[in-house]
């Protein structure tokens, strides 16, 4: 606090300035104190969001690099095998299989086990290392655990229905181009099994712990509405493609609210598990029972989506979804304008755009024609949503 005439520092007990002798207005001192506290809170919020964003990005980055190790090691092994075989035959053209190929299992179930174990090991190791490394950043932001309370059975049924509704709408937006311009390489096979296992068993635990527990415990004290939108956007951007952005963003909003209201990850982990399991059943069912299963699965998905949308509309005013409105526009700007937040935004937009062009190119290669360009629509829409929401949060004018 400072004197309004000469700028000399004052304490809250001063009634006259010690330098110029001017009388001090208590109301002016109180206003200065309030402004100083608000500025300190905004600075603290910006630091919390900055460090939390960095820790989340580091965790995901390390994990993704670990996931890429098995195929990378496979390519290196294949190249070494070919070179070694070439040297064994004196550099002459050969008809023999590379010597290391004998290590590859002959039976599909043996290969399945190798792939599942390999991917799972690298995935989990990458996630653990990422959490440990990012913990050096995250520990600089104090956590404020959310008060716990259980969900009643009607509330649990309500959020389950809404979760499937948000998933269904988001998935429909993301994969709609596939029904117009199919991608040849999109056909699933048992080689996708490691992804199924990880997405159903590991991803719900890891992602909920990272995006709900670790993130919300640190940023929610600076405004719950800000934390919900920010965590959902970060969750959607982390998937780095337009196909999954909408469903990840939608359920990210719901899961953030559920965690803030209950303080318990068990609910969001269970819902995440159910959604991933249902989404995976389509691929497995088609392989086991044929294309007829896909029709039945689509009907079930449509029914669940419709029921979820209707439930969301009817229950939109439920107390579970009410959050306090105490955040100031400056606090929104502090959360969404840090350089780390901007960096993650730019990287995510670039990745989403790349994946959009990638799937468009695959569809074009599969004789999709100009309809292949429809694969750019989900990516472009996701980029637009990210840019609009970031701009709105940074320039919010009213509380």
Protein backbone atom coordinates (compact mmCIF):
# COMPACT_ATOMS: atom_id res chain seq x y z
CA UNK A 1 0.00 0.00 0.00
CA UNK A 2 1.26 3.47 -0.92
CA UNK A 3 0.44 7.10 -0.32
CA UNK A 4 -1.72 8.54 -3.09
CA UNK A 5 0.19 11.88 -3.05
CA UNK A 6 3.89 10.96 -2.79
CA UNK A 7 3.91 7.19 -3.27
CA UNK A 8 5.54 6.42 0.08
CA UNK A 9 4.90 2.89 1.43
CA UNK A 10 2.20 2.68 4.13
CA UNK A 11 0.89 0.10 6.57
CA UNK A 12 -2.78 -0.60 7.17
CA UNK A 13 -2.56 1.19 10.55
CA UNK A 14 -1.19 4.49 9.21
CA UNK A 15 -3.53 7.50 9.25
CA UNK A 16 -1.00 10.05 7.97
CA UNK A 17 1.83 9.69 5.48
CA UNK A 18 5.21 9.73 7.22
CA UNK A 19 6.85 11.49 4.24
CA UNK A 20 4.39 14.20 3.14
CA UNK A 21 1.99 14.25 6.12
CA UNK A 22 -1.11 13.78 3.94
CA UNK A 23 -4.17 12.22 5.59
CA UNK A 24 -4.79 8.64 4.56
CA UNK A 25 -8.23 7.54 3.38
CA UNK A 26 -9.04 4.12 4.94
CA UNK A 27 -11.23 3.26 1.97
CA UNK A 28 -8.35 3.94 -0.41
CA UNK A 29 -6.06 1.74 1.67
CA UNK A 30 -8.64 -1.05 1.65
CA UNK A 31 -9.03 -0.75 -2.12
CA UNK A 32 -5.25 -0.94 -2.55
CA UNK A 33 -5.08 -3.99 -0.30
CA UNK A 34 -7.86 -5.71 -2.22
CA UNK A 35 -6.17 -4.97 -5.56
CA UNK A 36 -2.86 -6.26 -4.24
CA UNK A 37 -4.45 -9.51 -3.04
CA UNK A 38 -6.22 -9.97 -6.35
CA UNK A 39 -3.01 -9.39 -8.29
CA UNK A 40 -1.18 -11.90 -6.08
CA UNK A 41 -3.95 -14.46 -6.58
CA UNK A 42 -3.87 -13.99 -10.35
CA UNK A 43 -0.09 -14.40 -10.39
CA UNK A 44 -0.37 -17.55 -8.28
CA UNK A 45 -3.08 -18.94 -10.57
CA UNK A 46 -1.00 -18.28 -13.68
CA UNK A 47 1.97 -20.05 -12.10
CA UNK A 48 -0.20 -23.03 -11.06
CA UNK A 49 -1.67 -23.43 -14.54
CA UNK A 50 1.72 -22.95 -16.16
CA UNK A 51 3.46 -25.62 -14.09
CA UNK A 52 0.48 -28.00 -14.19
CA UNK A 53 0.37 -27.74 -17.98
CA UNK A 54 4.09 -28.42 -18.23
CA UNK A 55 3.89 -31.45 -15.96
CA UNK A 56 0.94 -32.88 -17.89
CA UNK A 57 2.66 -32.34 -21.24
CA UNK A 58 5.90 -33.91 -19.99
CA UNK A 59 4.04 -36.97 -18.70
CA UNK A 60 2.23 -37.52 -21.98
CA UNK A 61 5.33 -36.80 -24.05
CA UNK A 62 7.49 -39.34 -22.21
CA UNK A 63 4.70 -41.93 -22.38
CA UNK A 64 4.18 -41.49 -26.13
CA UNK A 65 7.91 -41.81 -26.79
CA UNK A 66 7.90 -45.05 -24.80
CA UNK A 67 4.98 -46.38 -26.86
CA UNK A 68 6.96 -45.77 -30.04
CA UNK A 69 9.90 -47.86 -28.80
CA UNK A 70 8.51 -51.33 -29.69
CA UNK A 71 7.87 -50.56 -33.39
CA UNK A 72 11.12 -48.59 -33.55
CA UNK A 73 13.06 -51.50 -32.06
CA UNK A 74 11.30 -53.84 -34.47
CA UNK A 75 12.43 -51.76 -37.46
CA UNK A 76 16.00 -51.62 -36.14
CA UNK A 77 15.99 -55.39 -35.55
CA UNK A 78 14.69 -56.02 -39.07
CA UNK A 79 17.35 -53.78 -40.62
CA UNK A 80 20.11 -55.45 -38.59
CA UNK A 81 18.76 -58.85 -39.62
CA UNK A 82 18.75 -58.00 -43.31
CA UNK A 83 22.26 -56.49 -43.16
CA UNK A 84 23.62 -59.44 -41.20
CA UNK A 85 22.12 -61.92 -43.67
CA UNK A 86 23.52 -59.91 -46.60
CA UNK A 87 27.03 -60.03 -45.12
CA UNK A 88 26.73 -63.75 -44.40
CA UNK A 89 26.18 -64.35 -48.11
CA UNK A 90 29.06 -62.14 -49.17
CA UNK A 91 26.97 -59.25 -50.42
CA UNK A 92 25.31 -61.37 -53.10
CA UNK A 93 21.54 -61.35 -53.85
CA UNK A 94 19.86 -63.79 -51.48
CA UNK A 95 16.60 -65.68 -51.32
CA UNK A 96 16.95 -66.62 -47.67
CA UNK A 97 14.83 -65.04 -44.94
CA UNK A 98 16.73 -62.69 -42.63
CA UNK A 99 18.29 -64.65 -39.81
CA UNK A 100 16.44 -62.87 -36.98
CA UNK A 101 13.03 -63.69 -38.47
CA UNK A 102 13.20 -67.06 -36.78
CA UNK A 103 12.49 -65.22 -33.54
CA UNK A 104 9.03 -64.16 -34.74
CA UNK A 105 6.29 -66.47 -33.38
CA UNK A 106 4.51 -68.61 -35.96
CA UNK A 107 1.15 -68.75 -34.21
CA UNK A 108 -1.06 -65.67 -34.03
CA UNK A 109 -1.83 -66.16 -30.34
CA UNK A 110 1.87 -66.25 -29.50
CA UNK A 111 2.38 -63.04 -31.47
CA UNK A 112 -0.66 -61.59 -29.72
CA UNK A 113 0.86 -62.30 -26.32
CA UNK A 114 4.22 -60.84 -27.35
CA UNK A 115 2.59 -57.66 -28.69
CA UNK A 116 0.30 -57.20 -25.70
CA UNK A 117 3.07 -57.73 -23.19
CA UNK A 118 5.54 -55.59 -25.12
CA UNK A 119 3.22 -52.65 -25.64
CA UNK A 120 1.84 -52.89 -22.11
CA UNK A 121 5.31 -52.94 -20.57
CA UNK A 122 6.56 -49.96 -22.57
CA UNK A 123 3.27 -48.08 -22.09
CA UNK A 124 3.26 -48.53 -18.32
CA UNK A 125 6.99 -47.90 -17.96
CA UNK A 126 6.65 -44.73 -20.04
CA UNK A 127 3.70 -43.55 -17.96
CA UNK A 128 5.50 -44.21 -14.67
CA UNK A 129 8.68 -42.48 -15.84
CA UNK A 130 6.63 -39.57 -17.18
CA UNK A 131 4.85 -39.18 -13.85
CA UNK A 132 8.13 -39.33 -11.94
CA UNK A 133 9.85 -36.78 -14.19
CA UNK A 134 6.89 -34.42 -14.25
CA UNK A 135 6.61 -34.76 -10.49
CA UNK A 136 9.66 -32.52 -10.20
CA UNK A 137 7.56 -29.78 -11.79
CA UNK A 138 4.24 -30.67 -10.22
CA UNK A 139 5.50 -30.69 -6.63
CA UNK A 140 6.11 -26.92 -6.89
CA UNK A 141 2.32 -26.44 -7.03
CA UNK A 142 0.50 -27.25 -3.77
CA UNK A 143 -2.40 -29.67 -4.14
CA UNK A 144 -5.76 -29.08 -2.49
CA UNK A 145 -7.62 -32.41 -2.33
CA UNK A 146 -11.31 -32.21 -3.18
CA UNK A 147 -13.83 -32.93 -0.42
CA UNK A 148 -15.22 -36.43 -0.90
CA UNK A 149 -18.84 -37.49 -1.06
CA UNK A 150 -20.51 -40.51 -2.67
CA UNK A 151 -22.83 -40.46 -5.66
CA UNK A 152 -26.34 -41.71 -5.04
CA UNK A 153 -27.58 -44.48 -7.34
CA UNK A 154 -29.91 -42.17 -9.36
CA UNK A 155 -27.00 -39.73 -9.81
CA UNK A 156 -24.70 -42.54 -10.91
CA UNK A 157 -27.22 -43.77 -13.48
CA UNK A 158 -27.71 -40.19 -14.69
CA UNK A 159 -24.01 -39.46 -15.25
CA UNK A 160 -23.52 -42.88 -16.89
CA UNK A 161 -26.24 -42.14 -19.42
CA UNK A 162 -24.90 -38.63 -20.06
CA UNK A 163 -21.35 -39.96 -20.48
CA UNK A 164 -22.48 -42.32 -23.23
CA UNK A 165 -24.48 -39.51 -24.81
CA UNK A 166 -21.46 -37.21 -24.94
CA UNK A 167 -19.29 -40.04 -26.21
CA UNK A 168 -21.78 -40.94 -28.94
CA UNK A 169 -22.20 -37.40 -30.21
CA UNK A 170 -18.46 -36.74 -30.13
CA UNK A 171 -17.64 -40.03 -31.85
CA UNK A 172 -20.26 -39.41 -34.55
CA UNK A 173 -18.74 -36.02 -35.36
CA UNK A 174 -15.20 -37.40 -35.42
CA UNK A 175 -15.67 -40.53 -37.52
CA UNK A 176 -18.51 -39.39 -39.82
CA UNK A 177 -16.14 -38.99 -42.82
CA UNK A 178 -15.24 -42.70 -42.62
CA UNK A 179 -18.74 -43.61 -43.75
CA UNK A 180 -18.39 -41.41 -46.83
CA UNK A 181 -14.71 -41.94 -47.68
CA UNK A 182 -13.46 -45.14 -45.98
CA UNK A 183 -9.79 -45.56 -45.18
CA UNK A 184 -8.41 -48.91 -46.37
CA UNK A 185 -5.96 -49.24 -43.50
CA UNK A 186 -8.79 -48.56 -41.01
CA UNK A 187 -9.78 -52.25 -41.12
CA UNK A 188 -9.04 -53.67 -37.69
CA UNK A 189 -7.33 -56.96 -37.07
CA UNK A 190 -5.90 -58.89 -34.18
CA UNK A 191 -2.74 -56.80 -34.57
CA UNK A 192 -4.73 -54.01 -32.90
CA UNK A 193 -5.19 -56.14 -29.78
CA UNK A 194 -2.47 -54.38 -27.72
CA UNK A 195 -4.25 -51.07 -28.27
CA UNK A 196 -7.56 -52.60 -27.17
CA UNK A 197 -6.10 -54.03 -23.99
CA UNK A 198 -4.33 -50.82 -23.05
CA UNK A 199 -7.30 -48.58 -23.87
CA UNK A 200 -9.67 -50.66 -21.76
CA UNK A 201 -7.52 -51.62 -18.77
CA UNK A 202 -4.76 -49.03 -18.42
CA UNK A 203 -5.88 -45.81 -20.08
CA UNK A 204 -8.89 -45.18 -17.77
CA UNK A 205 -6.69 -45.40 -14.68
CA UNK A 206 -3.74 -43.43 -16.01
CA UNK A 207 -5.69 -40.70 -17.81
CA UNK A 208 -8.12 -40.11 -14.95
CA UNK A 209 -5.28 -39.92 -12.46
CA UNK A 210 -3.39 -37.44 -14.66
CA UNK A 211 -6.16 -35.19 -16.00
CA UNK A 212 -8.52 -35.26 -13.04
CA UNK A 213 -6.60 -36.01 -9.82
CA UNK A 214 -3.20 -34.42 -10.46
CA UNK A 215 -4.47 -31.51 -12.55
CA UNK A 216 -7.73 -30.52 -10.84
CA UNK A 217 -6.33 -30.79 -7.32
CA UNK A 218 -3.88 -28.03 -8.26
CA UNK A 219 -5.94 -25.66 -10.40
CA UNK A 220 -9.48 -25.99 -9.03
CA UNK A 221 -8.77 -23.66 -6.05
CA UNK A 222 -8.45 -20.78 -8.55
CA UNK A 223 -11.92 -21.32 -10.00
CA UNK A 224 -13.84 -24.51 -10.61
CA UNK A 225 -15.44 -23.41 -13.88
CA UNK A 226 -12.03 -22.43 -15.26
CA UNK A 227 -10.58 -25.76 -14.13
CA UNK A 228 -13.36 -27.78 -15.77
CA UNK A 229 -13.02 -26.07 -19.16
CA UNK A 230 -9.23 -26.06 -19.06
CA UNK A 231 -8.88 -29.73 -18.08
CA UNK A 232 -11.40 -30.80 -20.74
CA UNK A 233 -9.59 -28.84 -23.45
CA UNK A 234 -6.24 -30.26 -22.37
CA UNK A 235 -7.73 -33.76 -22.37
CA UNK A 236 -9.16 -33.29 -25.85
CA UNK A 237 -5.95 -31.78 -27.24
CA UNK A 238 -3.87 -34.61 -25.75
CA UNK A 239 -5.54 -37.05 -28.17
CA UNK A 240 -4.07 -34.97 -31.03
CA UNK A 241 -6.64 -35.85 -33.71
CA UNK A 242 -10.01 -34.58 -34.81
CA UNK A 243 -11.63 -38.00 -34.58
CA UNK A 244 -11.25 -38.24 -30.81
CA UNK A 245 -11.16 -34.57 -29.83
CA UNK A 246 -14.92 -34.07 -29.57
CA UNK A 247 -15.66 -37.14 -27.47
CA UNK A 248 -12.62 -36.54 -25.25
CA UNK A 249 -13.56 -32.89 -24.74
CA UNK A 250 -17.21 -33.74 -23.98
CA UNK A 251 -16.57 -36.48 -21.46
CA UNK A 252 -13.68 -34.42 -20.09
CA UNK A 253 -16.17 -31.71 -19.09
CA UNK A 254 -18.44 -34.27 -17.41
CA UNK A 255 -15.65 -36.17 -15.66
CA UNK A 256 -14.14 -32.94 -14.30
CA UNK A 257 -17.49 -31.95 -12.79
CA UNK A 258 -18.00 -35.41 -11.30
CA UNK A 259 -14.55 -35.37 -9.69
CA UNK A 260 -14.99 -31.84 -8.31
CA UNK A 261 -18.35 -32.83 -6.82
CA UNK A 262 -17.28 -36.17 -5.36
CA UNK A 263 -13.50 -36.01 -4.93
CA UNK A 264 -13.34 -39.67 -5.95
CA UNK A 265 -11.64 -41.05 -9.04
CA UNK A 266 -13.47 -44.38 -8.83
CA UNK A 267 -16.49 -42.91 -10.60
CA UNK A 268 -14.65 -41.38 -13.54
CA UNK A 269 -12.37 -44.43 -13.89
CA UNK A 270 -15.40 -46.73 -14.00
CA UNK A 271 -17.18 -44.55 -16.58
CA UNK A 272 -14.01 -44.25 -18.65
CA UNK A 273 -13.61 -48.03 -18.53
CA UNK A 274 -17.22 -48.65 -19.65
CA UNK A 275 -16.93 -46.23 -22.57
CA UNK A 276 -13.62 -47.65 -23.80
CA UNK A 277 -14.88 -51.21 -23.38
CA UNK A 278 -18.03 -50.52 -25.38
CA UNK A 279 -16.06 -48.76 -28.12
CA UNK A 280 -13.63 -51.70 -28.34
CA UNK A 281 -16.39 -54.33 -28.48
CA UNK A 282 -17.25 -53.28 -32.03
CA UNK A 283 -13.82 -54.17 -33.40
CA UNK A 284 -13.62 -57.46 -31.49
CA UNK A 285 -17.20 -58.42 -32.34
CA UNK A 286 -16.68 -57.87 -36.06
CA UNK A 287 -13.60 -60.10 -36.03
CA UNK A 288 -15.36 -62.85 -34.09
CA UNK A 289 -18.93 -62.71 -35.42
CA UNK A 290 -18.57 -60.90 -38.74
CA UNK A 291 -20.02 -57.69 -40.17
CA UNK A 292 -23.50 -58.41 -38.77
CA UNK A 293 -22.18 -57.57 -35.31
CA UNK A 294 -21.29 -54.06 -36.48
CA UNK A 295 -24.93 -53.35 -37.35
CA UNK A 296 -26.14 -54.44 -33.92
CA UNK A 297 -23.38 -52.45 -32.23
CA UNK A 298 -24.29 -49.30 -34.19
CA UNK A 299 -27.93 -49.69 -33.14
CA UNK A 300 -26.91 -50.08 -29.49
CA UNK A 301 -24.58 -47.07 -29.77
CA UNK A 302 -27.40 -45.00 -31.26
CA UNK A 303 -29.80 -45.97 -28.48
CA UNK A 304 -27.23 -45.17 -25.77
CA UNK A 305 -26.38 -41.85 -27.41
CA UNK A 306 -30.02 -40.82 -27.74
CA UNK A 307 -30.78 -41.83 -24.16
CA UNK A 308 -27.74 -39.86 -22.97
CA UNK A 309 -28.68 -36.72 -24.89
CA UNK A 310 -32.26 -36.84 -23.57
CA UNK A 311 -30.97 -37.38 -20.02
CA UNK A 312 -28.58 -34.44 -20.36
CA UNK A 313 -31.38 -32.14 -21.53
CA UNK A 314 -33.78 -33.20 -18.79
CA UNK A 315 -31.19 -33.11 -16.00
CA UNK A 316 -29.22 -30.03 -17.07
CA UNK A 317 -30.31 -28.11 -13.95
CA UNK A 318 -29.43 -30.89 -11.52
CA UNK A 319 -27.45 -29.62 -8.48
CA UNK A 320 -24.60 -31.97 -9.39
CA UNK A 321 -23.78 -29.76 -12.36
CA UNK A 322 -23.86 -26.42 -10.53
CA UNK A 323 -20.48 -24.79 -9.98
CA UNK A 324 -19.63 -21.52 -8.20
CA UNK A 325 -19.24 -18.37 -10.33
CA UNK A 326 -16.65 -16.51 -8.29
CA UNK A 327 -13.97 -16.35 -11.01
CA UNK A 328 -12.95 -12.93 -12.33
CA UNK A 329 -12.12 -12.24 -16.02
CA UNK A 330 -8.50 -11.64 -15.01
CA UNK A 331 -8.36 -15.12 -13.45
CA UNK A 332 -9.56 -16.65 -16.73
CA UNK A 333 -6.84 -14.79 -18.60
CA UNK A 334 -4.23 -15.88 -16.07
CA UNK A 335 -5.19 -19.53 -16.62
CA UNK A 336 -5.29 -19.51 -20.43
CA UNK A 337 -2.48 -17.14 -21.40
CA UNK A 338 0.73 -18.74 -20.06
CA UNK A 339 3.47 -19.59 -22.54
CA UNK A 340 3.29 -23.28 -21.69
CA UNK A 341 -0.46 -23.30 -22.35
CA UNK A 342 0.11 -21.55 -25.69
CA UNK A 343 2.88 -24.00 -26.60
CA UNK A 344 0.66 -27.02 -25.92
CA UNK A 345 -2.11 -25.38 -27.92
CA UNK A 346 0.14 -24.82 -30.93
CA UNK A 347 1.58 -28.35 -30.83
CA UNK A 348 -1.88 -29.89 -30.51
CA UNK A 349 -3.29 -27.85 -33.39
CA UNK A 350 -0.36 -28.88 -35.59
CA UNK A 351 -0.86 -32.56 -34.67
CA UNK A 352 -4.62 -32.41 -35.29
CA UNK A 353 -4.09 -30.75 -38.68
CA UNK A 354 -1.46 -33.35 -39.64
CA UNK A 355 -3.74 -36.26 -38.72
CA UNK A 356 -6.58 -34.70 -40.69
CA UNK A 357 -4.43 -34.50 -43.84
CA UNK A 358 -3.04 -37.97 -43.12
CA UNK A 359 -6.47 -39.64 -43.07
CA UNK A 360 -7.57 -37.59 -46.06
CA UNK A 361 -4.54 -38.88 -47.97
CA UNK A 362 -5.30 -42.48 -46.94
CA UNK A 363 -8.90 -42.13 -48.09
CA UNK A 364 -7.76 -40.55 -51.37
CA UNK A 365 -5.35 -43.45 -51.90
CA UNK A 366 -8.27 -45.83 -51.36
CA UNK A 367 -10.09 -44.16 -54.31
CA UNK A 368 -12.16 -41.99 -52.05
CA UNK A 369 -12.15 -39.12 -54.54
CA UNK A 370 -12.90 -35.59 -53.46
CA UNK A 371 -15.02 -36.99 -50.63
CA UNK A 372 -11.70 -37.78 -48.95
CA UNK A 373 -11.38 -34.09 -48.12
CA UNK A 374 -14.22 -34.57 -45.63
CA UNK A 375 -11.60 -35.97 -43.27
CA UNK A 376 -10.36 -32.39 -42.93
CA UNK A 377 -13.70 -31.28 -41.48
CA UNK A 378 -13.40 -32.86 -37.98
CA UNK A 379 -9.82 -31.63 -37.72
CA UNK A 380 -10.76 -28.12 -38.84
CA UNK A 381 -13.70 -28.06 -36.44
CA UNK A 382 -11.54 -29.20 -33.52
CA UNK A 383 -8.98 -26.50 -34.30
CA UNK A 384 -11.76 -23.90 -34.47
CA UNK A 385 -13.20 -24.99 -31.12
CA UNK A 386 -9.78 -24.81 -29.46
CA UNK A 387 -8.99 -21.36 -30.88
CA UNK A 388 -12.42 -19.90 -30.08
CA UNK A 389 -12.49 -21.16 -26.49
CA UNK A 390 -8.92 -20.04 -25.80
CA UNK A 391 -9.66 -16.59 -27.26
CA UNK A 392 -12.92 -16.32 -25.28
CA UNK A 393 -11.22 -17.29 -22.01
CA UNK A 394 -8.34 -14.87 -22.52
CA UNK A 395 -10.59 -11.92 -23.38
CA UNK A 396 -13.55 -12.60 -21.13
CA UNK A 397 -15.06 -9.26 -20.13
CA UNK A 398 -17.67 -10.10 -17.53
CA UNK A 399 -17.64 -12.35 -14.49
